[in-house]
Amino acid sequence: MTILTTTTAAGVRIHLGSELLVFESDRELGFASTAVLGGGLGRGRCVVSVKVPPGYSGRDPAADIRSAALAMGWEPDVGLMTAVDLQRVRVAAAGADGVTAIAAVTAGVARPWAAGSNRGPHPGAGTINTVVVIDRGLEPAAALNLLTTVTEAKVLALLEAHVRTAGGDPASGTATDAVVVAWPFSDDRLPFGGPASAPGWAAAAAVRQALREALDAGGPLPHD
């Protein structure tokens, strides 16, 4: 696997293979995520994103993610899945007031979704996976707030790209998007993660840049 980048302070290495994207750390990390494997608040050292075939319909995605990662020598604490070519992952970094964020995004938007609009039928596969690593500790509430900030940044990037649903609504994402925020677990924790805070600004700027590049890498977008 290829090492894409290493965050200086958090010490997280990003490994890219054809079937697996891995974020690993020598030190313990805190996690806040909506991932199908290891979602919620937790601690660990390894996040993976597994490539699955288009139309994947497994009944136990968490078990499938763990099995795929273990088969390649990784023991995941948090796991995502995507049908997007992992070579299309895009990584961006931003900093504010001594806080650095690195965002890695894969974007499958063939079937975009507008939250709160016409609900059905379910549009099928299509996922934007976002992993953000912050190089400072976070209080639990700040980590949850940062999940919200990252999601806001994702929506802004989609609006900027004029991505629309099949019904013509501005897309807020897809029906299966997932977000992971990771930080070095320590007693030195920042209290806030909103868009005006240092970690929030850095994460949002990195996510918007990475998602813009991931959308560009994916070819034509669903527009009006």
Protein backbone atom coordinates (compact mmCIF):
# COMPACT_ATOMS: atom_id res chain seq x y z
CA MET A 1 0.00 0.00 0.00
CA THR A 2 1.08 3.58 -0.66
CA ILE A 3 1.49 6.03 2.22
CA LEU A 4 -0.29 9.22 1.12
CA THR A 5 0.53 11.54 3.99
CA THR A 6 1.30 11.80 7.70
CA THR A 7 -0.15 14.40 10.02
CA THR A 8 2.74 16.03 11.87
CA ALA A 9 1.37 16.20 15.40
CA ALA A 10 -1.31 13.51 15.43
CA GLY A 11 1.04 11.04 13.74
CA VAL A 12 -1.67 9.47 11.58
CA ARG A 13 -0.46 7.69 8.46
CA ILE A 14 -2.82 7.30 5.51
CA HIS A 15 -2.29 4.15 3.44
CA LEU A 16 -3.96 3.69 0.06
CA GLY A 17 -4.53 0.38 -1.70
CA SER A 18 -6.92 -0.69 -4.43
CA GLU A 19 -9.36 -2.29 -1.98
CA LEU A 20 -8.64 -0.49 1.28
CA LEU A 21 -7.92 3.02 2.59
CA VAL A 22 -6.35 2.99 6.06
CA PHE A 23 -5.72 5.66 8.68
CA GLU A 24 -3.43 4.36 11.41
CA SER A 25 -1.75 5.89 14.42
CA ASP A 26 0.94 4.78 16.85
CA ARG A 27 -0.85 6.65 19.62
CA GLU A 28 -4.39 6.28 20.86
CA LEU A 29 -6.98 8.40 19.10
CA GLY A 30 -10.41 9.57 20.09
CA PHE A 31 -13.18 9.06 17.54
CA ALA A 32 -16.58 10.56 16.86
CA SER A 33 -18.26 9.01 13.86
CA THR A 34 -21.38 7.94 12.05
CA ALA A 35 -19.55 4.91 10.62
CA VAL A 36 -21.31 1.59 10.28
CA LEU A 37 -18.44 -0.09 12.17
CA GLY A 38 -17.44 1.59 15.43
CA GLY A 39 -19.84 4.50 15.13
CA GLY A 40 -20.45 6.89 18.04
CA LEU A 41 -17.75 8.04 20.46
CA GLY A 42 -14.78 5.74 20.94
CA ARG A 43 -11.05 5.25 21.10
CA GLY A 44 -8.57 3.29 19.00
CA ARG A 45 -5.79 3.49 16.46
CA CYS A 46 -7.19 2.42 13.08
CA VAL A 47 -9.88 3.63 10.66
CA VAL A 48 -10.52 1.85 7.37
CA SER A 49 -12.62 2.44 4.27
CA VAL A 50 -13.31 -0.75 2.32
CA LYS A 51 -14.03 -0.89 -1.41
CA VAL A 52 -17.19 -2.87 -2.17
CA PRO A 53 -18.81 -3.72 -5.51
CA PRO A 54 -21.52 -1.43 -6.92
CA GLY A 55 -24.86 -2.75 -5.74
CA TYR A 56 -23.41 -4.22 -2.52
CA SER A 57 -26.30 -5.55 -0.42
CA GLY A 58 -24.66 -7.36 2.49
CA ARG A 59 -26.81 -7.87 5.58
CA ASP A 60 -23.98 -7.20 8.05
CA PRO A 61 -21.78 -4.41 6.65
CA ALA A 62 -19.86 -3.98 9.92
CA ALA A 63 -18.83 -7.64 9.85
CA ASP A 64 -17.96 -7.41 6.15
CA ILE A 65 -15.75 -4.37 6.78
CA ARG A 66 -13.93 -6.06 9.64
CA SER A 67 -13.45 -9.28 7.67
CA ALA A 68 -12.05 -7.44 4.63
CA ALA A 69 -9.66 -5.39 6.75
CA LEU A 70 -8.45 -8.36 8.77
CA ALA A 71 -7.79 -10.28 5.56
CA MET A 72 -5.39 -7.48 4.57
CA GLY A 73 -3.67 -7.35 7.93
CA TRP A 74 -5.50 -4.46 9.60
CA GLU A 75 -7.63 -4.51 12.75
CA PRO A 76 -10.11 -1.63 12.43
CA ASP A 77 -11.68 0.29 15.29
CA VAL A 78 -13.84 2.32 12.89
CA GLY A 79 -14.86 1.24 9.39
CA LEU A 80 -16.57 2.67 6.32
CA MET A 81 -17.41 1.25 2.91
CA THR A 82 -17.70 2.70 -0.57
CA ALA A 83 -18.14 1.58 -4.17
CA VAL A 84 -16.01 4.53 -5.33
CA ASP A 85 -12.58 3.83 -6.79
CA LEU A 86 -10.32 4.51 -3.82
CA GLN A 87 -7.73 6.06 -6.13
CA ARG A 88 -10.15 8.98 -6.30
CA VAL A 89 -9.66 9.84 -2.63
CA ARG A 90 -8.58 13.42 -2.18
CA VAL A 91 -6.70 14.78 0.83
CA ALA A 92 -6.49 18.42 1.92
CA ALA A 93 -5.15 20.24 4.97
CA ALA A 94 -5.92 23.56 6.65
CA GLY A 95 -4.89 25.25 9.86
CA ALA A 96 -6.12 27.94 12.24
CA ASP A 97 -4.66 29.28 15.49
CA GLY A 98 -2.23 26.42 15.92
CA VAL A 99 -4.71 23.67 15.01
CA THR A 100 -4.23 21.59 11.86
CA ALA A 101 -6.89 19.44 10.21
CA ILE A 102 -6.41 16.90 7.44
CA ALA A 103 -9.49 15.71 5.53
CA ALA A 104 -9.70 12.69 3.24
CA VAL A 105 -12.83 12.38 1.10
CA THR A 106 -14.23 9.85 -1.37
CA ALA A 107 -17.30 11.06 -3.23
CA GLY A 108 -19.88 8.88 -4.94
CA VAL A 109 -22.69 11.20 -6.03
CA ALA A 110 -24.38 9.30 -8.84
CA ARG A 111 -27.52 9.19 -6.67
CA PRO A 112 -27.58 12.39 -4.59
CA TRP A 113 -30.11 13.05 -1.85
CA ALA A 114 -31.77 16.18 -0.46
CA ALA A 115 -32.43 15.90 3.27
CA GLY A 116 -36.09 16.53 4.06
CA SER A 117 -37.27 16.44 0.45
CA ASN A 118 -39.27 13.67 -1.22
CA ARG A 119 -38.25 10.56 0.67
CA GLY A 120 -38.65 7.70 -1.71
CA PRO A 121 -37.94 5.46 -3.32
CA HIS A 122 -34.53 4.90 -1.74
CA PRO A 123 -31.97 5.89 -4.39
CA GLY A 124 -29.58 2.98 -3.80
CA ALA A 125 -25.84 3.16 -3.43
CA GLY A 126 -23.91 6.40 -3.46
CA THR A 127 -21.74 7.55 -0.58
CA ILE A 128 -19.60 10.50 0.45
CA ASN A 129 -17.15 9.32 3.10
CA THR A 130 -15.27 12.00 5.04
CA VAL A 131 -12.47 11.35 7.52
CA VAL A 132 -10.98 14.31 9.39
CA VAL A 133 -7.93 14.17 11.66
CA ILE A 134 -7.29 17.03 14.09
CA ASP A 135 -3.89 17.39 15.75
CA ARG A 136 -5.30 18.59 19.10
CA GLY A 137 -7.47 16.84 21.66
CA LEU A 138 -11.22 17.48 21.79
CA GLU A 139 -13.81 17.42 24.54
CA PRO A 140 -16.67 15.01 23.70
CA ALA A 141 -19.11 17.85 23.03
CA ALA A 142 -16.55 19.57 20.80
CA ALA A 143 -16.08 16.35 18.84
CA LEU A 144 -19.82 16.02 18.28
CA ASN A 145 -20.00 19.68 17.30
CA LEU A 146 -17.17 19.09 14.83
CA LEU A 147 -19.20 16.32 13.17
CA THR A 148 -21.89 18.92 12.54
CA THR A 149 -19.37 21.45 11.23
CA VAL A 150 -17.88 18.88 8.84
CA THR A 151 -21.36 18.02 7.56
CA GLU A 152 -22.12 21.71 7.00
CA ALA A 153 -18.89 22.02 5.01
CA LYS A 154 -19.86 19.00 2.90
CA VAL A 155 -23.22 20.55 2.06
CA LEU A 156 -21.58 23.87 1.12
CA ALA A 157 -19.17 22.11 -1.23
CA LEU A 158 -22.08 20.31 -2.93
CA LEU A 159 -24.00 23.56 -3.28
CA GLU A 160 -20.92 25.25 -4.76
CA ALA A 161 -20.68 22.39 -7.28
CA HIS A 162 -24.41 22.72 -8.13
CA VAL A 163 -25.06 19.03 -7.45
CA ARG A 164 -28.78 18.25 -7.69
CA THR A 165 -31.02 15.26 -7.13
CA ALA A 166 -32.98 13.53 -9.88
CA GLY A 167 -35.96 15.62 -8.75
CA GLY A 168 -34.04 18.87 -9.19
CA ASP A 169 -33.46 19.68 -5.51
CA PRO A 170 -30.07 20.98 -4.31
CA ALA A 171 -28.31 17.92 -2.93
CA SER A 172 -27.25 17.79 0.72
CA GLY A 173 -25.34 14.53 0.22
CA THR A 174 -26.37 10.95 -0.41
CA ALA A 175 -28.55 8.61 1.63
CA THR A 176 -25.55 6.78 3.12
CA ASP A 177 -22.89 9.42 3.83
CA ALA A 178 -20.57 8.86 6.78
CA VAL A 179 -18.22 11.11 8.76
CA VAL A 180 -15.32 10.24 11.06
CA VAL A 181 -13.47 12.77 13.22
CA ALA A 182 -10.27 11.63 14.94
CA TRP A 183 -7.95 13.37 17.38
CA PRO A 184 -5.05 12.44 19.70
CA PHE A 185 -6.56 11.23 22.95
CA SER A 186 -5.11 13.30 25.79
CA ASP A 187 -6.01 15.47 28.78
CA ASP A 188 -5.37 18.62 26.73
CA ARG A 189 -8.74 19.05 25.03
CA LEU A 190 -10.22 21.92 23.09
CA PRO A 191 -13.74 22.82 24.26
CA PHE A 192 -15.39 23.84 20.99
CA GLY A 193 -15.81 22.41 17.48
CA GLY A 194 -18.21 24.83 15.82
CA PRO A 195 -17.42 26.59 12.54
CA ALA A 196 -15.96 29.68 14.27
CA SER A 197 -13.61 27.65 16.50
CA ALA A 198 -10.04 26.85 15.42
CA PRO A 199 -10.67 23.10 14.89
CA GLY A 200 -14.01 23.82 13.23
CA TRP A 201 -12.59 26.35 10.80
CA ALA A 202 -9.62 24.14 9.94
CA ALA A 203 -11.75 21.02 9.47
CA ALA A 204 -14.35 22.83 7.37
CA ALA A 205 -11.76 24.41 5.09
CA ALA A 206 -9.98 21.08 4.59
CA VAL A 207 -13.24 19.22 3.91
CA ARG A 208 -14.49 21.76 1.37
CA GLN A 209 -11.20 21.60 -0.53
CA ALA A 210 -10.95 17.79 -0.43
CA LEU A 211 -14.57 17.33 -1.49
CA ARG A 212 -14.24 19.82 -4.35
CA GLU A 213 -11.25 17.85 -5.63
CA ALA A 214 -13.01 14.49 -5.11
CA LEU A 215 -16.02 15.71 -7.08
CA ASP A 216 -13.74 16.86 -9.89
CA ALA A 217 -12.02 13.46 -9.89
CA GLY A 218 -15.31 11.61 -10.24
CA GLY A 219 -16.28 12.95 -13.65
CA PRO A 220 -19.58 14.60 -14.68
CA LEU A 221 -21.87 15.64 -11.81
CA PRO A 222 -25.68 15.47 -11.52
CA HIS A 223 -26.63 19.08 -12.33
CA ASP A 224 -29.86 20.85 -13.19
